[in-house]
Amino acid sequence: MIEEALKLRAKLVDEAIPKFLPITPPDEMYQAMRHLLDAGGKRLRPSALLLSAEAVGGKPENVLPAAVAIELVHNFTLVHDDIMDEADLRRGLTTVHKKWGVPKAIIAGDALYSKAFEILSCTKSEPVRLVESLELMSKTCTDICEGQWMDMHLATRKDVNEDEYMRMVEKKTAVLFAAAMKMGASLSGANNDTARAFWDFGRKAGVGFQIYDDVIDLITPEEILGKAQGGDIVEGKRTLIVIHALSKGATIDALGKSNATRSEVSAALTTLKESGSIDYAMNRAVGFIDEGKAALKGLPDSEAKNILIGLADYMIARKY
């Protein structure tokens, strides 16, 4: 039921993307911008925005521009992340910078970022709510950049603790979920307390999502994941799994070793499993998802609310 409900909302976003982001001259730039967007994706963030609007009595079509804008922001971060990580694959496709080169990929990412604000401004809502949402998205993009900077900095250190990881994840990943939820509700007329509840839901569920995403990077085969398994280890990322394992005295030889062999990565995966660190991270992810769902308890029951709760559970049940 949940997957079908998400597919329905994702379909709305898929159909809206070409309308709000058509291929126009210079054609190749827009093709680069659309490369990952047209590859599909789960559309969890824009779907969450549409559902939060529905949960407060709003019409999805009125906030569809905001949903598309959120997806563009997400994809702008993916294009730039892939450049920084020197990744070859994303969603099973050649990454933008590998296909068009780094300079053009940077431009494509920048253009996605700026287009997101233009598209958001097309949302049907009260002017004051629209301005608030534009401000929120601007701050959210700054938070994402801060989170990415923190992520790269933490990868250079050996003494990273859980609190630092949680602060990084909240900025890098969770705030976009939180902003999507709050914007959907606020643009649809929700009061401040209700909008805040959606923010809290998105923030907690977003942290759980990222922790579980780190787990997926380790346990999901490349043919399902769409990118190399164990990429976070090779990149030296201090995920919660790695932080926990190192605190237990584990040795991870492949950590941060860009030329690590498949056998070295496999050995690292075994170490992380045997240290109990993967299970530890899974349990923490479940805890954050439960806290997120609790934030919605005070809201009136509705089909959209039930789907959102199901979405939270889906975040830690998906395979990729």
Protein backbone atom coordinates (compact mmCIF):
# COMPACT_ATOMS: atom_id res chain seq x y z
CA MET A 1 0.00 0.00 0.00
CA ILE A 2 2.73 2.46 1.02
CA GLU A 3 4.82 1.85 -2.09
CA GLU A 4 1.77 2.29 -4.31
CA ALA A 5 0.83 5.53 -2.55
CA LEU A 6 4.38 6.82 -2.98
CA LYS A 7 4.41 5.81 -6.66
CA LEU A 8 1.25 7.84 -7.26
CA ARG A 9 2.85 10.98 -5.84
CA ALA A 10 6.17 10.26 -7.54
CA LYS A 11 4.29 10.02 -10.83
CA LEU A 12 2.89 13.53 -10.30
CA VAL A 13 6.43 14.81 -9.79
CA ASP A 14 7.78 12.86 -12.77
CA GLU A 15 5.12 14.36 -15.04
CA ALA A 16 5.72 17.89 -13.70
CA ILE A 17 9.51 17.92 -14.12
CA PRO A 18 9.50 18.29 -17.95
CA LYS A 19 6.88 21.05 -17.65
CA PHE A 20 8.90 23.09 -15.17
CA LEU A 21 12.31 22.15 -16.58
CA PRO A 22 11.95 21.74 -20.37
CA ILE A 23 14.92 21.14 -22.65
CA THR A 24 15.68 24.58 -24.12
CA PRO A 25 18.84 26.15 -25.57
CA PRO A 26 21.55 25.47 -24.66
CA ASP A 27 20.04 21.99 -25.01
CA GLU A 28 23.03 20.10 -23.67
CA MET A 29 23.03 22.04 -20.41
CA TYR A 30 19.41 21.16 -19.77
CA GLN A 31 20.06 17.56 -20.76
CA ALA A 32 22.83 17.47 -18.15
CA MET A 33 20.44 18.99 -15.59
CA ARG A 34 17.78 16.43 -16.45
CA HIS A 35 20.20 13.46 -16.58
CA LEU A 36 19.65 12.22 -13.02
CA LEU A 37 16.11 13.57 -12.81
CA ASP A 38 15.06 11.53 -15.84
CA ALA A 39 16.75 8.45 -14.38
CA GLY A 40 13.91 8.30 -11.87
CA GLY A 41 14.69 7.93 -8.20
CA LYS A 42 12.37 7.33 -5.27
CA ARG A 43 11.13 10.96 -5.09
CA LEU A 44 10.78 10.56 -1.32
CA ARG A 45 11.29 14.25 -0.51
CA PRO A 46 8.77 15.70 -2.98
CA SER A 47 6.31 12.91 -2.12
CA ALA A 48 6.66 13.80 1.56
CA LEU A 49 5.94 17.44 0.70
CA LEU A 50 2.77 16.50 -1.21
CA LEU A 51 1.63 14.23 1.62
CA SER A 52 2.18 16.88 4.30
CA ALA A 53 0.04 19.23 2.21
CA GLU A 54 -2.70 16.60 1.95
CA ALA A 55 -2.50 15.88 5.68
CA VAL A 56 -3.55 19.47 6.47
CA GLY A 57 -6.28 19.58 3.83
CA GLY A 58 -4.27 21.08 0.99
CA LYS A 59 -4.40 20.15 -2.68
CA PRO A 60 -1.29 18.42 -4.06
CA GLU A 61 -1.53 20.24 -7.39
CA ASN A 62 -1.21 23.62 -5.62
CA VAL A 63 2.15 22.70 -4.08
CA LEU A 64 3.50 20.64 -6.99
CA PRO A 65 5.96 23.41 -7.96
CA ALA A 66 7.37 23.28 -4.42
CA ALA A 67 7.70 19.49 -4.67
CA VAL A 68 9.60 19.79 -7.96
CA ALA A 69 11.80 22.51 -6.44
CA ILE A 70 12.73 20.22 -3.54
CA GLU A 71 13.64 17.44 -5.99
CA LEU A 72 15.82 19.84 -7.98
CA VAL A 73 17.67 20.87 -4.83
CA HIS A 74 18.22 17.21 -3.98
CA ASN A 75 19.59 16.51 -7.47
CA PHE A 76 21.85 19.56 -7.39
CA THR A 77 23.47 18.10 -4.28
CA LEU A 78 23.85 14.70 -5.97
CA VAL A 79 25.60 16.18 -9.01
CA HIS A 80 28.07 18.05 -6.82
CA ASP A 81 28.50 15.13 -4.38
CA ASP A 82 29.45 12.84 -7.26
CA ILE A 83 32.09 15.32 -8.39
CA MET A 84 33.57 15.51 -4.90
CA ASP A 85 33.44 11.74 -4.45
CA GLU A 86 34.76 11.12 -7.99
CA ALA A 87 31.90 8.66 -8.42
CA ASP A 88 31.36 6.85 -11.71
CA LEU A 89 27.77 5.71 -11.21
CA ARG A 90 24.53 7.13 -9.84
CA ARG A 91 21.19 5.33 -10.18
CA GLY A 92 22.92 2.86 -12.45
CA LEU A 93 23.92 5.61 -14.91
CA THR A 94 27.17 7.38 -15.69
CA THR A 95 27.42 10.39 -13.39
CA VAL A 96 26.97 13.87 -14.85
CA HIS A 97 30.64 14.85 -14.50
CA LYS A 98 31.79 11.61 -16.13
CA LYS A 99 29.46 12.17 -19.07
CA TRP A 100 29.94 15.93 -19.60
CA GLY A 101 33.10 16.74 -17.65
CA VAL A 102 33.56 18.45 -14.28
CA PRO A 103 33.19 22.11 -15.40
CA LYS A 104 29.89 21.47 -17.16
CA ALA A 105 28.64 19.31 -14.29
CA ILE A 106 29.29 22.18 -11.87
CA ILE A 107 27.26 24.47 -14.12
CA ALA A 108 24.44 21.90 -14.35
CA GLY A 109 24.34 21.61 -10.55
CA ASP A 110 24.35 25.39 -10.10
CA ALA A 111 21.55 25.76 -12.63
CA LEU A 112 19.44 23.14 -10.84
CA TYR A 113 19.92 25.12 -7.62
CA SER A 114 18.84 28.44 -9.13
CA LYS A 115 15.94 26.91 -11.09
CA ALA A 116 14.60 25.42 -7.86
CA PHE A 117 13.88 28.88 -6.45
CA GLU A 118 12.29 30.05 -9.68
CA ILE A 119 9.98 27.00 -9.72
CA LEU A 120 9.16 27.30 -6.01
CA SER A 121 7.93 30.85 -6.64
CA CYS A 122 5.20 29.39 -8.92
CA THR A 123 3.50 27.66 -5.97
CA LYS A 124 -0.11 28.67 -5.28
CA SER A 125 -0.17 29.99 -1.73
CA GLU A 126 -0.42 33.20 0.28
CA PRO A 127 2.48 35.57 -0.52
CA VAL A 128 3.70 35.62 3.09
CA ARG A 129 3.82 31.80 3.18
CA LEU A 130 5.63 31.73 -0.15
CA VAL A 131 8.27 34.17 1.09
CA GLU A 132 8.73 32.07 4.24
CA SER A 133 9.23 28.98 2.12
CA LEU A 134 11.78 30.71 -0.10
CA GLU A 135 13.67 31.77 3.03
CA LEU A 136 13.44 28.24 4.44
CA MET A 137 14.78 26.66 1.26
CA SER A 138 17.64 29.15 1.13
CA LYS A 139 18.64 28.35 4.71
CA THR A 140 18.23 24.64 4.03
CA CYS A 141 20.63 24.83 1.08
CA THR A 142 23.17 26.58 3.30
CA ASP A 143 22.74 23.86 5.94
CA ILE A 144 23.29 21.18 3.30
CA CYS A 145 26.54 22.84 2.23
CA GLU A 146 27.65 23.09 5.87
CA GLY A 147 26.82 19.41 6.33
CA GLN A 148 28.80 18.40 3.25
CA TRP A 149 31.76 20.46 4.42
CA MET A 150 31.56 18.80 7.83
CA ASP A 151 31.35 15.36 6.17
CA MET A 152 34.54 16.02 4.20
CA HIS A 153 36.31 17.42 7.26
CA LEU A 154 35.33 14.47 9.45
CA ALA A 155 36.78 12.09 6.84
CA THR A 156 40.23 13.56 7.58
CA ARG A 157 40.00 12.82 11.31
CA LYS A 158 40.35 9.64 13.32
CA ASP A 159 38.70 10.88 16.51
CA VAL A 160 35.15 11.59 15.27
CA ASN A 161 32.41 10.98 17.84
CA GLU A 162 28.71 10.21 17.45
CA ASP A 163 27.57 13.72 18.34
CA GLU A 164 29.62 15.19 15.52
CA TYR A 165 28.25 12.62 13.09
CA MET A 166 24.66 13.38 14.13
CA ARG A 167 25.16 17.14 13.65
CA MET A 168 26.64 16.51 10.22
CA VAL A 169 23.83 14.15 9.14
CA GLU A 170 21.12 16.52 10.35
CA LYS A 171 22.50 19.30 8.15
CA LYS A 172 23.56 17.22 5.15
CA THR A 173 20.45 15.04 4.84
CA ALA A 174 17.73 15.55 7.44
CA VAL A 175 17.08 19.27 6.94
CA LEU A 176 15.90 18.73 3.34
CA PHE A 177 13.32 16.19 4.51
CA ALA A 178 12.33 18.54 7.33
CA ALA A 179 12.03 21.52 4.99
CA ALA A 180 9.96 19.54 2.48
CA MET A 181 7.52 18.49 5.21
CA LYS A 182 7.23 21.95 6.72
CA MET A 183 6.84 23.65 3.35
CA GLY A 184 4.08 21.30 2.24
CA ALA A 185 2.11 21.95 5.40
CA SER A 186 2.79 25.69 5.65
CA LEU A 187 2.06 26.43 1.99
CA SER A 188 -1.26 24.61 2.48
CA GLY A 189 -2.34 26.82 5.39
CA ALA A 190 -1.09 24.94 8.46
CA ASN A 191 -0.48 26.96 11.63
CA ASN A 192 3.01 27.28 13.12
CA ASP A 193 2.64 24.45 15.63
CA THR A 194 1.42 22.02 12.99
CA ALA A 195 4.14 23.05 10.55
CA ARG A 196 6.69 22.55 13.34
CA ALA A 197 5.39 19.02 13.96
CA PHE A 198 6.02 18.17 10.31
CA TRP A 199 9.49 19.72 10.58
CA ASP A 200 10.28 17.55 13.60
CA PHE A 201 8.99 14.47 11.80
CA GLY A 202 11.14 15.17 8.75
CA ARG A 203 14.24 15.96 10.80
CA LYS A 204 14.12 12.79 12.90
CA ALA A 205 13.09 10.54 10.02
CA GLY A 206 15.78 12.15 7.86
CA VAL A 207 18.51 11.24 10.35
CA GLY A 208 17.18 7.69 10.48
CA PHE A 209 17.11 7.63 6.68
CA GLN A 210 20.78 8.64 6.42
CA ILE A 211 21.98 6.17 9.04
CA TYR A 212 20.13 3.40 7.19
CA ASP A 213 21.53 4.71 3.88
CA ASP A 214 25.02 4.20 5.30
CA VAL A 215 24.02 0.62 6.13
CA ILE A 216 22.67 0.05 2.60
CA ASP A 217 26.00 1.20 1.15
CA LEU A 218 27.60 -1.74 2.93
CA ILE A 219 25.08 -4.55 2.60
CA THR A 220 23.50 -4.02 -0.84
CA PRO A 221 25.12 -5.51 -3.99
CA GLU A 222 26.23 -3.08 -6.71
CA GLU A 223 23.67 -4.35 -9.24
CA ILE A 224 20.87 -3.32 -6.86
CA LEU A 225 22.54 -0.27 -5.34
CA GLY A 226 23.43 1.30 -8.69
CA LYS A 227 26.93 2.22 -7.46
CA ALA A 228 29.95 0.48 -5.98
CA GLN A 229 29.31 -1.41 -2.74
CA GLY A 230 31.31 -0.11 0.20
CA GLY A 231 32.05 3.22 -1.50
CA ASP A 232 31.80 5.05 1.84
CA ILE A 233 34.67 2.96 3.22
CA VAL A 234 36.99 3.71 0.30
CA GLU A 235 36.12 7.40 0.57
CA GLY A 236 37.02 7.31 4.27
CA LYS A 237 33.63 8.54 5.45
CA ARG A 238 33.12 8.48 9.21
CA THR A 239 29.66 6.94 9.23
CA LEU A 240 28.00 5.90 12.48
CA ILE A 241 28.97 2.31 11.61
CA VAL A 242 32.65 3.19 11.24
CA ILE A 243 32.66 5.42 14.34
CA HIS A 244 31.16 2.60 16.42
CA ALA A 245 33.57 0.00 15.05
CA LEU A 246 36.63 2.17 15.70
CA SER A 247 35.42 2.86 19.24
CA LYS A 248 35.41 -0.91 19.76
CA GLY A 249 39.03 -1.14 18.66
CA ALA A 250 38.35 -2.55 15.20
CA THR A 251 40.92 -2.12 12.44
CA ILE A 252 39.60 -1.14 9.00
CA ASP A 253 42.54 -1.20 6.59
CA ALA A 254 40.47 -0.15 3.54
CA LEU A 255 39.13 3.00 5.24
CA GLY A 256 40.09 6.00 3.11
CA LYS A 257 42.18 3.84 0.76
CA SER A 258 41.16 5.03 -2.71
CA ASN A 259 42.87 2.10 -4.45
CA ALA A 260 41.46 -0.56 -2.11
CA THR A 261 40.88 -3.92 -3.79
CA ARG A 262 37.56 -5.75 -3.71
CA SER A 263 39.01 -8.22 -1.22
CA GLU A 264 40.14 -5.39 1.08
CA VAL A 265 36.67 -3.82 0.94
CA SER A 266 35.14 -7.24 1.59
CA ALA A 267 37.39 -7.69 4.62
CA ALA A 268 36.30 -4.30 5.92
CA LEU A 269 32.65 -5.27 5.53
CA THR A 270 33.28 -8.45 7.50
CA THR A 271 34.95 -6.45 10.26
CA LEU A 272 32.02 -4.07 10.50
CA LYS A 273 29.55 -6.93 10.70
CA GLU A 274 31.53 -8.86 13.31
CA SER A 275 32.01 -5.77 15.48
CA GLY A 276 28.21 -5.44 15.74
CA SER A 277 28.45 -1.96 14.26
CA ILE A 278 26.00 -2.55 11.40
CA ASP A 279 23.39 -3.87 13.83
CA TYR A 280 24.09 -0.93 16.15
CA ALA A 281 23.47 1.55 13.34
CA MET A 282 20.29 -0.26 12.30
CA ASN A 283 18.94 0.02 15.83
CA ARG A 284 19.75 3.74 16.01
CA ALA A 285 18.02 4.30 12.66
CA VAL A 286 14.88 2.57 13.95
CA GLY A 287 14.98 4.75 17.06
CA PHE A 288 15.07 7.97 15.05
CA ILE A 289 12.24 6.79 12.81
CA ASP A 290 10.12 6.05 15.89
CA GLU A 291 10.85 9.53 17.29
CA GLY A 292 9.83 11.04 13.97
CA LYS A 293 6.52 9.20 13.90
CA ALA A 294 5.82 10.32 17.47
CA ALA A 295 5.96 13.96 16.29
CA LEU A 296 2.82 13.38 14.21
CA LYS A 297 0.76 11.82 17.00
CA GLY A 298 -1.04 15.05 17.86
CA LEU A 299 -2.27 15.59 14.31
CA PRO A 300 -5.76 14.53 13.18
CA ASP A 301 -5.94 11.10 11.59
CA SER A 302 -6.05 11.04 7.81
CA GLU A 303 -5.02 8.81 4.94
CA ALA A 304 -2.09 11.12 4.19
CA LYS A 305 -0.90 10.96 7.81
CA ASN A 306 -1.02 7.16 7.72
CA ILE A 307 0.95 7.13 4.49
CA LEU A 308 3.57 9.43 6.03
CA ILE A 309 3.96 7.06 8.96
CA GLY A 310 4.32 4.24 6.43
CA LEU A 311 6.89 6.32 4.56
CA ALA A 312 8.96 6.59 7.73
CA ASP A 313 8.92 2.81 8.09
CA TYR A 314 9.79 2.43 4.40
CA MET A 315 12.90 4.56 4.94
CA ILE A 316 14.43 1.74 6.96
CA ALA A 317 13.01 -1.17 4.96
CA ARG A 318 14.10 -0.23 1.42
CA LYS A 319 16.81 -2.12 -0.44
CA TYR A 320 18.44 0.88 -2.16
